[in-house]
């Protein structure tokens, strides 16, 4: 039961921080959306802070075996002050507090990136040492930032499409879709490269018995879902995006905007399933049966 709660907490925290950074980054290249997303960014930062506190307490409780708050508190202090995970937690909390107090660009995007990057210290890279540890953390961080950029953009585009009823708003949506094209290409390339690097660092250059265990099966499902996201992204890039721009001239812009919204919503749903798998995989060994 504790393990399930831990997975759920990890999933919620991952989703929150991915969207926080991704949404803030999206605002940087679609400044027209800043005012409507600012309250959402502050809310995400606050939720992220609360989830981080809950996660730290649960982790400390599992490691120490203490349940009473008075007995647990010294262990929490030791976790924060004397471990790398605790230091990463403190940095994350500082970054999230900055977002809550000063939700301005580009500070929000930078703080969101720092908060998201701190999650790498809760992954498999923390088990490595020396140079391998550095490269594993770097790969994990780039993977997280790319994933956050993708999820945040999908959420923003979906919300913009839902509220697009007049030509002005749909015009802004079309511009945002166009601006995301080059960002999306960088995201896919980064996710693909770091995904392969992470696999090699965690599992090594082998497939054999790994794919027969729980870890391998979950990883295979994750890859298949990622492939599905690529198909939808290609549909948005080469069909629905241009169709939206053309619809502005033909007078069918509302229909085109809704088609884009549905496609992005499905893509975001698949992304959330992938994040759930990541939250689970982070607690498993590659040799898990």
Protein backbone atom coordinates (compact mmCIF):
# COMPACT_ATOMS: atom_id res chain seq x y z
CA UNK A 1 0.00 0.00 0.00
CA UNK A 2 2.83 2.40 0.87
CA UNK A 3 4.51 1.62 -2.46
CA UNK A 4 1.29 2.40 -4.35
CA UNK A 5 0.91 5.72 -2.51
CA UNK A 6 4.53 6.52 -3.33
CA UNK A 7 3.94 5.82 -7.04
CA UNK A 8 0.82 8.01 -7.04
CA UNK A 9 2.69 10.84 -5.32
CA UNK A 10 5.58 10.55 -7.78
CA UNK A 11 3.15 10.60 -10.70
CA UNK A 12 1.32 13.67 -9.40
CA UNK A 13 4.59 15.51 -8.70
CA UNK A 14 6.06 14.62 -12.10
CA UNK A 15 2.93 15.79 -13.94
CA UNK A 16 2.78 19.01 -11.94
CA UNK A 17 6.42 19.99 -12.45
CA UNK A 18 6.47 18.91 -16.11
CA UNK A 19 3.47 21.11 -16.83
CA UNK A 20 4.81 23.99 -14.73
CA UNK A 21 8.05 24.20 -16.68
CA UNK A 22 6.48 23.38 -20.04
CA UNK A 23 3.72 25.94 -19.70
CA UNK A 24 6.14 28.65 -18.58
CA UNK A 25 8.45 27.82 -21.50
CA UNK A 26 5.52 27.94 -23.92
CA UNK A 27 4.67 31.42 -22.70
CA UNK A 28 8.20 32.54 -23.60
CA UNK A 29 7.59 31.92 -27.29
CA UNK A 30 3.84 32.70 -27.18
CA UNK A 31 3.77 35.83 -25.03
CA UNK A 32 0.11 36.50 -25.86
CA UNK A 33 -0.88 33.75 -23.42
CA UNK A 34 0.99 35.11 -20.38
CA UNK A 35 -1.90 36.72 -18.52
CA UNK A 36 -4.29 33.79 -18.84
CA UNK A 37 -1.72 31.23 -17.67
CA UNK A 38 -0.07 33.18 -14.82
CA UNK A 39 -2.57 32.06 -12.11
CA UNK A 40 -2.24 28.48 -13.34
CA UNK A 41 1.55 28.62 -13.02
CA UNK A 42 1.32 29.88 -9.44
CA UNK A 43 -1.19 27.17 -8.58
CA UNK A 44 1.06 24.48 -10.07
CA UNK A 45 4.01 25.76 -8.04
CA UNK A 46 1.97 25.64 -4.84
CA UNK A 47 0.70 22.13 -5.57
CA UNK A 48 4.24 21.03 -6.41
CA UNK A 49 5.49 22.32 -3.06
CA UNK A 50 2.74 20.47 -1.17
CA UNK A 51 3.40 17.24 -3.08
CA UNK A 52 7.14 17.59 -2.43
CA UNK A 53 6.55 17.90 1.31
CA UNK A 54 4.25 14.88 1.30
CA UNK A 55 6.77 12.87 -0.72
CA UNK A 56 9.64 13.74 1.62
CA UNK A 57 7.62 12.76 4.69
CA UNK A 58 6.54 9.47 3.11
CA UNK A 59 10.08 8.63 2.03
CA UNK A 60 11.49 9.44 5.47
CA UNK A 61 8.77 7.44 7.16
CA UNK A 62 9.49 4.41 4.97
CA UNK A 63 13.24 4.59 5.60
CA UNK A 64 13.06 5.27 9.35
CA UNK A 65 10.04 3.19 10.31
CA UNK A 66 8.78 6.03 12.52
CA UNK A 67 5.13 7.05 12.35
CA UNK A 68 4.71 9.66 15.09
CA UNK A 69 5.49 13.20 13.89
CA UNK A 70 7.68 14.02 16.89
CA UNK A 71 9.83 10.95 16.32
CA UNK A 72 9.87 11.45 12.56
CA UNK A 73 10.98 15.08 12.58
CA UNK A 74 14.70 14.45 13.40
CA UNK A 75 14.86 11.96 10.52
CA UNK A 76 13.30 14.52 8.17
CA UNK A 77 15.92 17.06 9.21
CA UNK A 78 18.69 14.56 8.62
CA UNK A 79 17.25 13.68 5.20
CA UNK A 80 17.17 17.32 4.11
CA UNK A 81 20.50 18.39 5.56
CA UNK A 82 22.68 15.32 5.03
CA UNK A 83 21.60 13.63 1.77
CA UNK A 84 21.75 14.55 -1.93
CA UNK A 85 18.03 13.81 -2.26
CA UNK A 86 17.35 16.25 0.58
CA UNK A 87 19.50 18.94 -1.03
CA UNK A 88 17.64 18.46 -4.32
CA UNK A 89 14.36 18.73 -2.40
CA UNK A 90 15.46 22.00 -0.76
CA UNK A 91 16.49 23.46 -4.12
CA UNK A 92 13.13 22.42 -5.60
CA UNK A 93 11.19 24.02 -2.76
CA UNK A 94 13.14 27.26 -3.14
CA UNK A 95 12.44 27.34 -6.88
CA UNK A 96 8.73 26.68 -6.36
CA UNK A 97 8.45 29.40 -3.70
CA UNK A 98 10.03 31.84 -6.15
CA UNK A 99 7.35 30.98 -8.73
CA UNK A 100 4.57 31.51 -6.18
CA UNK A 101 5.94 34.86 -5.04
CA UNK A 102 7.30 36.18 -8.35
CA UNK A 103 5.42 34.63 -11.29
CA UNK A 104 7.23 36.71 -13.95
CA UNK A 105 9.08 35.68 -17.09
CA UNK A 106 11.68 34.41 -17.68
CA UNK A 107 12.16 33.78 -13.95
CA UNK A 108 9.21 31.39 -13.80
CA UNK A 109 10.59 29.28 -16.64
CA UNK A 110 14.06 29.15 -15.06
CA UNK A 111 12.70 28.27 -11.62
CA UNK A 112 10.39 25.69 -13.17
CA UNK A 113 13.34 24.12 -14.99
CA UNK A 114 15.33 23.91 -11.74
CA UNK A 115 12.40 22.36 -9.87
CA UNK A 116 11.86 19.80 -12.63
CA UNK A 117 15.57 18.99 -12.93
CA UNK A 118 15.71 18.22 -9.19
CA UNK A 119 13.59 15.12 -9.84
CA UNK A 120 16.65 13.49 -11.44
CA UNK A 121 18.06 12.92 -7.93
CA UNK A 122 15.13 10.57 -7.26
CA UNK A 123 15.89 8.41 -10.30
CA UNK A 124 18.32 5.66 -11.21
CA UNK A 125 21.17 8.12 -11.82
CA UNK A 126 21.55 8.60 -8.06
CA UNK A 127 22.93 5.04 -7.83
CA UNK A 128 25.90 5.80 -10.10
CA UNK A 129 29.26 7.23 -9.11
CA UNK A 130 31.93 9.45 -10.60
CA UNK A 131 31.75 10.54 -14.24
CA UNK A 132 28.98 8.03 -14.95
CA UNK A 133 26.83 9.73 -12.34
CA UNK A 134 27.35 13.13 -13.99
CA UNK A 135 26.41 11.92 -17.48
CA UNK A 136 23.42 10.00 -16.17
CA UNK A 137 22.12 13.06 -14.33
CA UNK A 138 22.70 15.23 -17.41
CA UNK A 139 20.77 12.81 -19.60
CA UNK A 140 17.95 12.52 -17.06
CA UNK A 141 17.66 16.30 -16.73
CA UNK A 142 17.57 16.87 -20.49
CA UNK A 143 14.96 14.12 -20.81
CA UNK A 144 12.81 15.72 -18.11
CA UNK A 145 13.09 19.21 -19.60
CA UNK A 146 12.21 17.98 -23.10
CA UNK A 147 9.23 16.03 -21.76
CA UNK A 148 8.08 19.07 -19.79
CA UNK A 149 8.33 21.31 -22.85
CA UNK A 150 6.15 18.87 -24.81
CA UNK A 151 3.49 18.38 -22.12
CA UNK A 152 3.28 22.07 -21.32
CA UNK A 153 2.84 22.99 -24.98
CA UNK A 154 0.10 20.38 -25.42
CA UNK A 155 -1.81 21.68 -22.42
CA UNK A 156 -1.47 25.29 -23.59
CA UNK A 157 -2.56 24.51 -27.15
CA UNK A 158 -5.51 22.47 -25.92
CA UNK A 159 -6.70 25.28 -23.65
CA UNK A 160 -6.19 27.88 -26.38
CA UNK A 161 -8.13 25.76 -28.88
CA UNK A 162 -10.98 25.27 -26.42
CA UNK A 163 -11.35 29.01 -25.97
CA UNK A 164 -10.88 29.87 -29.65
CA UNK A 165 -14.25 31.12 -30.90
CA UNK A 166 -13.37 34.24 -32.90
CA UNK A 167 -10.85 34.87 -35.64
CA UNK A 168 -8.49 36.81 -33.36
CA UNK A 169 -8.08 33.96 -30.87
CA UNK A 170 -7.84 31.34 -33.59
CA UNK A 171 -5.23 33.48 -35.32
CA UNK A 172 -3.18 33.48 -32.10
CA UNK A 173 -3.64 29.71 -31.88
CA UNK A 174 -2.39 29.26 -35.44
CA UNK A 175 0.66 31.42 -34.68
CA UNK A 176 1.41 29.42 -31.52
CA UNK A 177 1.15 26.13 -33.43
CA UNK A 178 3.56 27.49 -36.02
CA UNK A 179 6.03 28.66 -33.37
CA UNK A 180 5.94 25.26 -31.68
CA UNK A 181 7.08 23.44 -34.84
CA UNK A 182 10.81 24.04 -34.37
CA UNK A 183 10.56 23.55 -30.61
CA UNK A 184 8.77 20.24 -31.19
CA UNK A 185 11.54 19.02 -33.49
CA UNK A 186 14.17 19.73 -30.81
CA UNK A 187 12.00 18.03 -28.18
CA UNK A 188 11.56 14.81 -30.17
CA UNK A 189 15.28 14.65 -30.97
CA UNK A 190 16.25 15.24 -27.34
CA UNK A 191 13.78 12.68 -25.98
CA UNK A 192 14.93 10.06 -28.47
CA UNK A 193 18.65 10.50 -27.80
CA UNK A 194 18.38 10.76 -24.01
CA UNK A 195 15.93 7.86 -23.91
CA UNK A 196 18.47 5.59 -25.59
CA UNK A 197 21.30 6.91 -23.40
CA UNK A 198 19.27 6.33 -20.23
CA UNK A 199 18.47 2.77 -21.28
CA UNK A 200 22.15 2.03 -21.89
CA UNK A 201 23.14 3.59 -18.56
CA UNK A 202 20.50 1.68 -16.59
CA UNK A 203 20.30 -1.65 -18.40
CA UNK A 204 23.30 -1.78 -20.70
CA UNK A 205 23.54 -2.91 -24.34
CA UNK A 206 21.22 -5.89 -23.95
CA UNK A 207 17.58 -6.81 -24.41
CA UNK A 208 17.33 -10.59 -23.76
CA UNK A 209 15.86 -11.29 -20.32
CA UNK A 210 15.23 -7.61 -19.46
CA UNK A 211 12.13 -7.43 -21.65
CA UNK A 212 10.72 -10.53 -19.96
CA UNK A 213 10.52 -8.86 -16.56
CA UNK A 214 8.17 -6.21 -15.20
CA UNK A 215 10.66 -3.40 -15.86
CA UNK A 216 11.17 -4.45 -19.47
CA UNK A 217 7.48 -4.83 -20.21
CA UNK A 218 6.65 -1.43 -18.77
CA UNK A 219 9.51 0.09 -20.74
CA UNK A 220 8.25 -1.54 -23.94
CA UNK A 221 4.77 -0.13 -23.34
CA UNK A 222 6.31 3.29 -22.77
CA UNK A 223 8.16 3.12 -26.10
CA UNK A 224 4.98 2.09 -27.94
CA UNK A 225 3.05 4.96 -26.38
CA UNK A 226 5.84 7.35 -27.35
CA UNK A 227 5.58 6.11 -30.93
CA UNK A 228 1.85 6.84 -30.81
CA UNK A 229 2.59 10.38 -29.65
CA UNK A 230 4.95 10.84 -32.58
CA UNK A 231 2.19 9.82 -34.99
CA UNK A 232 -0.22 12.34 -33.46
CA UNK A 233 2.47 15.03 -33.42
CA UNK A 234 3.11 14.43 -37.10
CA UNK A 235 -0.65 14.68 -37.77
CA UNK A 236 -0.77 18.02 -35.95
CA UNK A 237 2.36 19.28 -37.67
CA UNK A 238 1.60 18.33 -41.26
CA UNK A 239 -2.21 18.29 -41.39
CA UNK A 240 -4.18 19.91 -38.57
CA UNK A 241 -1.84 22.89 -38.08
CA UNK A 242 -1.83 23.90 -41.77
CA UNK A 243 -5.55 23.14 -41.96
CA UNK A 244 -6.16 25.62 -39.14
CA UNK A 245 -4.25 28.34 -40.96
CA UNK A 246 -6.15 27.62 -44.18
CA UNK A 247 -9.48 27.57 -42.33
CA UNK A 248 -8.99 31.18 -41.32
CA UNK A 249 -9.36 32.04 -44.98
CA UNK A 250 -12.21 29.61 -45.66
CA UNK A 251 -14.38 30.53 -42.67
CA UNK A 252 -14.27 27.04 -41.10
CA UNK A 253 -11.82 28.01 -38.38
CA UNK A 254 -13.93 26.87 -35.40
CA UNK A 255 -14.21 23.33 -36.78
CA UNK A 256 -10.47 23.23 -37.50
CA UNK A 257 -9.64 24.49 -34.00
CA UNK A 258 -11.81 21.81 -32.40
CA UNK A 259 -10.17 19.10 -34.51
CA UNK A 260 -6.76 20.28 -33.33
CA UNK A 261 -7.97 20.39 -29.72
CA UNK A 262 -9.20 16.78 -29.85
CA UNK A 263 -5.93 15.56 -31.36
CA UNK A 264 -3.82 17.42 -28.79
CA UNK A 265 -6.06 16.16 -25.95
CA UNK A 266 -5.47 12.54 -27.02
CA UNK A 267 -1.74 13.24 -27.31
CA UNK A 268 -1.71 14.73 -23.81
CA UNK A 269 -3.62 11.72 -22.47
CA UNK A 270 -0.99 9.37 -23.90
CA UNK A 271 1.74 11.55 -22.40
CA UNK A 272 0.15 11.24 -18.96
CA UNK A 273 0.12 7.44 -19.30
CA UNK A 274 3.83 7.60 -20.10
CA UNK A 275 4.47 9.72 -17.01
CA UNK A 276 2.58 7.15 -14.91
CA UNK A 277 4.88 4.44 -16.29
CA UNK A 278 7.92 6.60 -15.52
CA UNK A 279 6.75 7.03 -11.92
CA UNK A 280 6.47 3.25 -11.64
CA UNK A 281 9.70 2.47 -13.47
CA UNK A 282 11.64 4.82 -11.18
CA UNK A 283 10.90 2.48 -8.27
CA UNK A 284 11.86 -0.73 -10.08
CA UNK A 285 15.16 -2.43 -10.79
CA UNK A 286 15.85 -3.50 -14.39
CA UNK A 287 16.09 -7.03 -13.01
CA UNK A 288 12.59 -6.88 -11.49
CA UNK A 289 10.62 -9.97 -12.40
